[in-house]
PDB file of N, CA and C in Angstrom:
ATOM      1  N   UNK A   1      72.411  88.771 125.384  1.00  0.00           N
ATOM      2  CA  UNK A   1      71.316  88.830 124.449  1.00  0.00           C
ATOM      3  C   UNK A   1      72.742  90.545 123.145  1.00  0.00           C
ATOM      4  N   UNK A   2      72.684  90.345 122.952  1.00  0.00           N
ATOM      5  CA  UNK A   2      73.066  91.327 121.982  1.00  0.00           C
ATOM      6  C   UNK A   2      72.434  92.345 121.483  1.00  0.00           C
ATOM      7  N   UNK A   3      72.697  93.634 120.674  1.00  0.00           N
ATOM      8  CA  UNK A   3      71.741  94.776 120.791  1.00  0.00           C
ATOM      9  C   UNK A   3      70.898  94.708 119.866  1.00  0.00           C
ATOM     10  N   UNK A   4      71.432  94.630 118.487  1.00  0.00           N
ATOM     11  CA  UNK A   4      71.695  93.681 117.218  1.00  0.00           C
ATOM     12  C   UNK A   4      71.380  92.875 116.764  1.00  0.00           C
ATOM     13  N   UNK A   5      70.865  92.133 117.543  1.00  0.00           N
ATOM     14  CA  UNK A   5      71.382  90.565 116.982  1.00  0.00           C
ATOM     15  C   UNK A   5      70.555  89.605 116.168  1.00  0.00           C
ATOM     16  N   UNK A   6      69.698  90.556 114.936  1.00  0.00           N
ATOM     17  CA  UNK A   6      69.872  90.154 113.814  1.00  0.00           C
ATOM     18  C   UNK A   6      70.747  90.143 113.243  1.00  0.00           C
ATOM     19  N   UNK A   7      71.756  91.188 113.476  1.00  0.00           N
ATOM     20  CA  UNK A   7      72.654  91.924 112.271  1.00  0.00           C
ATOM     21  C   UNK A   7      74.669  91.400 112.642  1.00  0.00           C
ATOM     22  N   UNK A   8      73.941  90.603 114.671  1.00  0.00           N
ATOM     23  CA  UNK A   8      75.225  90.062 115.247  1.00  0.00           C
ATOM     24  C   UNK A   8      75.833  91.289 115.513  1.00  0.00           C
ATOM     25  N   UNK A   9      75.346  92.232 115.964  1.00  0.00           N
ATOM     26  CA  UNK A   9      76.130  93.302 116.210  1.00  0.00           C
ATOM     27  C   UNK A   9      76.094  93.565 117.992  1.00  0.00           C
ATOM     28  N   UNK A  10      76.853  93.517 118.469  1.00  0.00           N
ATOM     29  CA  UNK A  10      77.233  93.911 119.675  1.00  0.00           C
ATOM     30  C   UNK A  10      77.267  94.970 120.294  1.00  0.00           C
ATOM     31  N   UNK A  11      78.055  95.536 122.105  1.00  0.00           N
ATOM     32  CA  UNK A  11      78.095  96.712 122.384  1.00  0.00           C
ATOM     33  C   UNK A  11      79.151  97.466 121.817  1.00  0.00           C
ATOM     34  N   UNK A  12      80.484  97.544 121.725  1.00  0.00           N
ATOM     35  CA  UNK A  12      81.260  97.269 121.160  1.00  0.00           C
ATOM     36  C   UNK A  12      81.158  97.879 119.337  1.00  0.00           C
ATOM     37  N   UNK A  13      80.900  96.936 118.718  1.00  0.00           N
ATOM     38  CA  UNK A  13      80.658  97.313 117.285  1.00  0.00           C
ATOM     39  C   UNK A  13      79.713  98.071 117.538  1.00  0.00           C
ATOM     40  N   UNK A  14      78.712  98.457 117.703  1.00  0.00           N
ATOM     41  CA  UNK A  14      77.956  99.458 117.512  1.00  0.00           C
ATOM     42  C   UNK A  14      78.211 100.556 117.968  1.00  0.00           C
ATOM     43  N   UNK A  15      79.051 101.374 119.727  1.00  0.00           N
ATOM     44  CA  UNK A  15      79.817 102.509 119.608  1.00  0.00           C
ATOM     45  C   UNK A  15      80.828 102.019 118.969  1.00  0.00           C
ATOM     46  N   UNK A  16      81.472 101.769 117.850  1.00  0.00           N
ATOM     47  CA  UNK A  16      82.601 101.624 117.726  1.00  0.00           C
ATOM     48  C   UNK A  16      81.569 102.202 115.550  1.00  0.00           C
ATOM     49  N   UNK A  17      80.631 102.147 115.166  1.00  0.00           N
ATOM     50  CA  UNK A  17      79.766 102.731 114.172  1.00  0.00           C
ATOM     51  C   UNK A  17      79.282 104.038 114.558  1.00  0.00           C
ATOM     52  N   UNK A  18      79.250 104.052 115.725  1.00  0.00           N
ATOM     53  CA  UNK A  18      78.185 105.501 116.077  1.00  0.00           C
ATOM     54  C   UNK A  18      79.887 106.135 115.721  1.00  0.00           C
ATOM     55  N   UNK A  19      80.891 106.181 116.455  1.00  0.00           N
ATOM     56  CA  UNK A  19      81.419 107.156 116.515  1.00  0.00           C
ATOM     57  C   UNK A  19      82.391 107.187 115.148  1.00  0.00           C
ATOM     58  N   UNK A  20      82.722 106.480 114.262  1.00  0.00           N
ATOM     59  CA  UNK A  20      82.835 106.277 113.070  1.00  0.00           C
ATOM     60  C   UNK A  20      81.816 107.101 112.090  1.00  0.00           C
ATOM     61  N   UNK A  21      80.728 107.074 112.412  1.00  0.00           N
ATOM     62  CA  UNK A  21      79.639 108.393 112.020  1.00  0.00           C
ATOM     63  C   UNK A  21      79.881 109.649 111.887  1.00  0.00           C
ATOM     64  N   UNK A  22      80.372 110.057 113.500  1.00  0.00           N
ATOM     65  CA  UNK A  22      80.278 110.945 114.219  1.00  0.00           C
ATOM     66  C   UNK A  22      81.568 111.905 113.658  1.00  0.00           C
ATOM     67  N   UNK A  23      82.941 110.768 113.399  1.00  0.00           N
ATOM     68  CA  UNK A  23      84.290 110.934 113.617  1.00  0.00           C
ATOM     69  C   UNK A  23      84.231 111.458 111.390  1.00  0.00           C
ATOM     70  N   UNK A  24      83.107 111.209 110.922  1.00  0.00           N
ATOM     71  CA  UNK A  24      83.716 111.418 109.633  1.00  0.00           C
ATOM     72  C   UNK A  24      82.995 112.508 109.077  1.00  0.00           C
ATOM     73  N   UNK A  25      81.876 113.080 109.477  1.00  0.00           N
ATOM     74  CA  UNK A  25      81.794 114.479 109.055  1.00  0.00           C
ATOM     75  C   UNK A  25      82.697 115.506 109.734  1.00  0.00           C
ATOM     76  N   UNK A  26      83.057 115.084 111.118  1.00  0.00           N
ATOM     77  CA  UNK A  26      83.649 115.779 111.498  1.00  0.00           C
ATOM     78  C   UNK A  26      84.837 115.729 110.854  1.00  0.00           C
ATOM     79  N   UNK A  27      85.854 115.099 110.242  1.00  0.00           N
ATOM     80  CA  UNK A  27      86.477 115.338 109.274  1.00  0.00           C
ATOM     81  C   UNK A  27      86.924 116.269 107.844  1.00  0.00           C
ATOM     82  N   UNK A  28      85.593 115.741 107.141  1.00  0.00           N
ATOM     83  CA  UNK A  28      85.332 116.680 105.705  1.00  0.00           C
ATOM     84  C   UNK A  28      85.703 118.321 106.395  1.00  0.00           C
ATOM     85  N   UNK A  29      84.448 118.625 107.302  1.00  0.00           N
ATOM     86  CA  UNK A  29      83.927 119.498 107.767  1.00  0.00           C
ATOM     87  C   UNK A  29      85.684 120.149 108.265  1.00  0.00           C
ATOM     88  N   UNK A  30      86.441 119.598 108.984  1.00  0.00           N
ATOM     89  CA  UNK A  30      88.189 120.173 109.149  1.00  0.00           C
ATOM     90  C   UNK A  30      88.726 120.616 108.016  1.00  0.00           C
ATOM     91  N   UNK A  31      87.908 119.698 107.134  1.00  0.00           N
ATOM     92  CA  UNK A  31      89.519 119.942 106.182  1.00  0.00           C
ATOM     93  C   UNK A  31      89.070 121.302 105.284  1.00  0.00           C
ATOM     94  N   UNK A  32      87.654 121.081 104.824  1.00  0.00           N
ATOM     95  CA  UNK A  32      86.881 123.220 104.231  1.00  0.00           C
ATOM     96  C   UNK A  32      87.768 123.555 104.782  1.00  0.00           C
ATOM     97  N   UNK A  33      87.401 123.894 106.528  1.00  0.00           N
ATOM     98  CA  UNK A  33      88.060 124.812 107.202  1.00  0.00           C
ATOM     99  C   UNK A  33      89.177 125.271 106.609  1.00  0.00           C
ATOM    100  N   UNK A  34      90.035 124.594 107.644  1.00  0.00           N
ATOM    101  CA  UNK A  34      91.361 124.873 107.327  1.00  0.00           C
ATOM    102  C   UNK A  34      91.792 124.639 105.403  1.00  0.00           C
ATOM    103  N   UNK A  35      90.607 124.522 104.351  1.00  0.00           N
ATOM    104  CA  UNK A  35      91.553 124.849 103.881  1.00  0.00           C
ATOM    105  C   UNK A  35      90.946 126.160 103.032  1.00  0.00           C
ATOM    106  N   UNK A  36      89.798 126.272 103.393  1.00  0.00           N
ATOM    107  CA  UNK A  36      89.578 127.756 102.940  1.00  0.00           C
ATOM    108  C   UNK A  36      90.632 129.137 104.370  1.00  0.00           C
ATOM    109  N   UNK A  37      90.428 128.581 105.191  1.00  0.00           N
ATOM    110  CA  UNK A  37      91.150 129.449 105.658  1.00  0.00           C
ATOM    111  C   UNK A  37      93.123 129.981 106.034  1.00  0.00           C
ATOM    112  N   UNK A  38      93.696 129.400 105.078  1.00  0.00           N
ATOM    113  CA  UNK A  38      94.803 128.694 104.871  1.00  0.00           C
ATOM    114  C   UNK A  38      95.869 129.540 103.752  1.00  0.00           C
ATOM    115  N   UNK A  39      96.327 129.710 103.134  1.00  0.00           N
ATOM    116  CA  UNK A  39      97.017 130.492 102.552  1.00  0.00           C
ATOM    117  C   UNK A  39      97.601 129.693 101.591  1.00  0.00           C
ATOM    118  N   UNK A  40      97.964 129.382 100.082  1.00  0.00           N
ATOM    119  CA  UNK A  40      98.133 128.853  99.318  1.00  0.00           C
ATOM    120  C   UNK A  40      99.076 129.210  98.309  1.00  0.00           C
ATOM    121  N   UNK A  41     100.779 128.573  97.958  1.00  0.00           N
ATOM    122  CA  UNK A  41     101.480 128.685  97.412  1.00  0.00           C
ATOM    123  C   UNK A  41      99.919 129.632  95.851  1.00  0.00           C
ATOM    124  N   UNK A  42      99.455 128.842  95.109  1.00  0.00           N
ATOM    125  CA  UNK A  42      98.783 129.430  94.160  1.00  0.00           C
ATOM    126  C   UNK A  42      96.999 129.384  94.703  1.00  0.00           C
ATOM    127  N   UNK A  43      96.311 130.275  94.541  1.00  0.00           N
ATOM    128  CA  UNK A  43      94.993 130.340  94.578  1.00  0.00           C
ATOM    129  C   UNK A  43      94.145 128.623  93.691  1.00  0.00           C
ATOM    130  N   UNK A  44      94.116 128.665  92.780  1.00  0.00           N
ATOM    131  CA  UNK A  44      94.041 127.443  91.752  1.00  0.00           C
ATOM    132  C   UNK A  44      93.564 126.421  92.815  1.00  0.00           C
ATOM    133  N   UNK A  45      95.239 125.689  93.899  1.00  0.00           N
ATOM    134  CA  UNK A  45      95.340 125.200  94.588  1.00  0.00           C
ATOM    135  C   UNK A  45      94.420 125.277  95.689  1.00  0.00           C
ATOM    136  N   UNK A  46      93.919 126.251  95.999  1.00  0.00           N
ATOM    137  CA  UNK A  46      92.969 125.969  97.370  1.00  0.00           C
ATOM    138  C   UNK A  46      91.610 125.313  96.549  1.00  0.00           C
ATOM    139  N   UNK A  47      91.406 125.898  95.529  1.00  0.00           N
ATOM    140  CA  UNK A  47      90.157 125.767  94.546  1.00  0.00           C
ATOM    141  C   UNK A  47      89.798 124.452  94.328  1.00  0.00           C
ATOM    142  N   UNK A  48      90.953 123.300  94.130  1.00  0.00           N
ATOM    143  CA  UNK A  48      91.123 122.333  93.599  1.00  0.00           C
ATOM    144  C   UNK A  48      91.120 121.288  94.531  1.00  0.00           C
ATOM    145  N   UNK A  49      91.767 122.128  95.935  1.00  0.00           N
ATOM    146  CA  UNK A  49      91.298 120.956  96.998  1.00  0.00           C
ATOM    147  C   UNK A  49      89.831 121.266  97.610  1.00  0.00           C
ATOM    148  N   UNK A  50      89.133 122.367  97.126  1.00  0.00           N
ATOM    149  CA  UNK A  50      88.481 122.342  98.106  1.00  0.00           C
ATOM    150  C   UNK A  50      87.254 121.047  96.970  1.00  0.00           C
ATOM    151  N   UNK A  51      87.153 121.048  95.914  1.00  0.00           N
ATOM    152  CA  UNK A  51      86.322 120.514  94.569  1.00  0.00           C
ATOM    153  C   UNK A  51      86.753 119.494  94.933  1.00  0.00           C
ATOM    154  N   UNK A  52      87.989 118.461  95.129  1.00  0.00           N
ATOM    155  CA  UNK A  52      88.115 117.523  95.456  1.00  0.00           C
ATOM    156  C   UNK A  52      88.114 116.554  97.129  1.00  0.00           C
ATOM    157  N   UNK A  53      88.201 117.668  98.149  1.00  0.00           N
ATOM    158  CA  UNK A  53      86.897 117.573 100.047  1.00  0.00           C
ATOM    159  C   UNK A  53      85.753 117.483  98.962  1.00  0.00           C
ATOM    160  N   UNK A  54      84.974 117.882  97.954  1.00  0.00           N
ATOM    161  CA  UNK A  54      83.404 118.049  98.111  1.00  0.00           C
ATOM    162  C   UNK A  54      82.975 117.041  97.215  1.00  0.00           C
ATOM    163  N   UNK A  55      83.872 116.753  96.277  1.00  0.00           N
ATOM    164  CA  UNK A  55      83.489 115.572  95.281  1.00  0.00           C
ATOM    165  C   UNK A  55      84.056 113.841  96.024  1.00  0.00           C
ATOM    166  N   UNK A  56      84.962 114.018  96.929  1.00  0.00           N
ATOM    167  CA  UNK A  56      85.240 112.629  97.097  1.00  0.00           C
ATOM    168  C   UNK A  56      85.218 112.764  98.490  1.00  0.00           C
ATOM    169  N   UNK A  57      84.494 113.395  99.711  1.00  0.00           N
ATOM    170  CA  UNK A  57      84.578 113.576 101.023  1.00  0.00           C
ATOM    171  C   UNK A  57      85.677 112.696 102.123  1.00  0.00           C
ATOM    172  N   UNK A  58      85.540 111.685 101.150  1.00  0.00           N
ATOM    173  CA  UNK A  58      86.262 110.772 102.878  1.00  0.00           C
ATOM    174  C   UNK A  58      88.092 110.126 101.897  1.00  0.00           C
ATOM    175  N   UNK A  59      88.055 110.130 100.428  1.00  0.00           N
ATOM    176  CA  UNK A  59      89.798 109.810  99.543  1.00  0.00           C
ATOM    177  C   UNK A  59      89.562 111.177 100.165  1.00  0.00           C
ATOM    178  N   UNK A  60      88.902 112.576  99.925  1.00  0.00           N
ATOM    179  CA  UNK A  60      90.073 114.093  99.124  1.00  0.00           C
ATOM    180  C   UNK A  60      90.412 114.402 100.521  1.00  0.00           C
ATOM    181  N   UNK A  61      89.625 113.956 101.606  1.00  0.00           N
ATOM    182  CA  UNK A  61      89.754 113.868 103.070  1.00  0.00           C
ATOM    183  C   UNK A  61      90.182 113.552 103.406  1.00  0.00           C
ATOM    184  N   UNK A  62      91.407 112.466 103.532  1.00  0.00           N
ATOM    185  CA  UNK A  62      92.006 111.668 103.930  1.00  0.00           C
ATOM    186  C   UNK A  62      93.903 112.407 102.714  1.00  0.00           C
ATOM    187  N   UNK A  63      94.205 112.320 101.720  1.00  0.00           N
ATOM    188  CA  UNK A  63      94.417 113.054 100.131  1.00  0.00           C
ATOM    189  C   UNK A  63      95.024 114.618 101.476  1.00  0.00           C
ATOM    190  N   UNK A  64      93.766 115.294 101.203  1.00  0.00           N
ATOM    191  CA  UNK A  64      94.583 116.381 101.627  1.00  0.00           C
ATOM    192  C   UNK A  64      95.324 116.684 103.002  1.00  0.00           C
ATOM    193  N   UNK A  65      94.757 115.899 104.354  1.00  0.00           N
ATOM    194  CA  UNK A  65      95.239 115.576 105.065  1.00  0.00           C
ATOM    195  C   UNK A  65      97.127 115.574 105.312  1.00  0.00           C
ATOM    196  N   UNK A  66      97.076 113.974 104.451  1.00  0.00           N
ATOM    197  CA  UNK A  66      98.082 113.579 103.975  1.00  0.00           C
ATOM    198  C   UNK A  66      99.703 114.224 103.204  1.00  0.00           C
ATOM    199  N   UNK A  67      99.023 115.359 102.108  1.00  0.00           N
ATOM    200  CA  UNK A  67      99.246 115.564 100.836  1.00  0.00           C
ATOM    201  C   UNK A  67      99.128 117.686 100.581  1.00  0.00           C
ATOM    202  N   UNK A  68      97.558 117.828 100.816  1.00  0.00           N
ATOM    203  CA  UNK A  68      97.435 118.967 100.981  1.00  0.00           C
ATOM    204  C   UNK A  68      97.939 119.963 101.720  1.00  0.00           C
ATOM    205  N   UNK A  69      98.357 119.353 102.988  1.00  0.00           N
ATOM    206  CA  UNK A  69      98.923 120.092 104.037  1.00  0.00           C
ATOM    207  C   UNK A  69     100.044 120.634 103.434  1.00  0.00           C
ATOM    208  N   UNK A  70     100.986 120.103 103.107  1.00  0.00           N
ATOM    209  CA  UNK A  70     102.394 120.551 102.751  1.00  0.00           C
ATOM    210  C   UNK A  70     102.086 121.147 101.910  1.00  0.00           C
ATOM    211  N   UNK A  71     100.910 121.389 100.751  1.00  0.00           N
ATOM    212  CA  UNK A  71     100.709 122.713  99.994  1.00  0.00           C
ATOM    213  C   UNK A  71     100.994 124.078  99.860  1.00  0.00           C
ATOM    214  N   UNK A  72     100.983 124.238 101.092  1.00  0.00           N
ATOM    215  CA  UNK A  72     100.827 125.689 102.067  1.00  0.00           C
ATOM    216  C   UNK A  72     102.006 126.827 101.680  1.00  0.00           C
ATOM    217  N   UNK A  73     101.801 128.013 101.383  1.00  0.00           N
ATOM    218  CA  UNK A  73     102.857 128.885 101.719  1.00  0.00           C
ATOM    219  C   UNK A  73     103.032 128.916 103.699  1.00  0.00           C
ATOM    220  N   UNK A  74     104.136 129.017 103.680  1.00  0.00           N
ATOM    221  CA  UNK A  74     105.063 129.213 104.449  1.00  0.00           C
ATOM    222  C   UNK A  74     104.875 130.523 105.803  1.00  0.00           C
ATOM    223  N   UNK A  75     103.561 131.365 104.911  1.00  0.00           N
ATOM    224  CA  UNK A  75     104.096 132.557 105.311  1.00  0.00           C
ATOM    225  C   UNK A  75     104.162 132.105 106.809  1.00  0.00           C
ATOM    226  N   UNK A  76     104.144 133.762 107.780  1.00  0.00           N
ATOM    227  CA  UNK A  76     103.912 133.904 108.939  1.00  0.00           C
ATOM    228  C   UNK A  76     102.701 134.216 109.722  1.00  0.00           C
TER     229      UNK A  76
END
């Protein structure tokens, strides 16, 4: 008998759902901390990324991790 038989969700699906629910806020928090601690070429860019991640957390985080990390200044 499955864990949630009325939804046809078994053990593996439930574990995957729990991991996704835990990973989502961790990804958003990681992106926000990385944005705040990083130096960007322009301070407006930093503010823009913070707004994007806060207004569209999932898509904003994915965009920041793929595009935004390349817009940092190359300081030591």
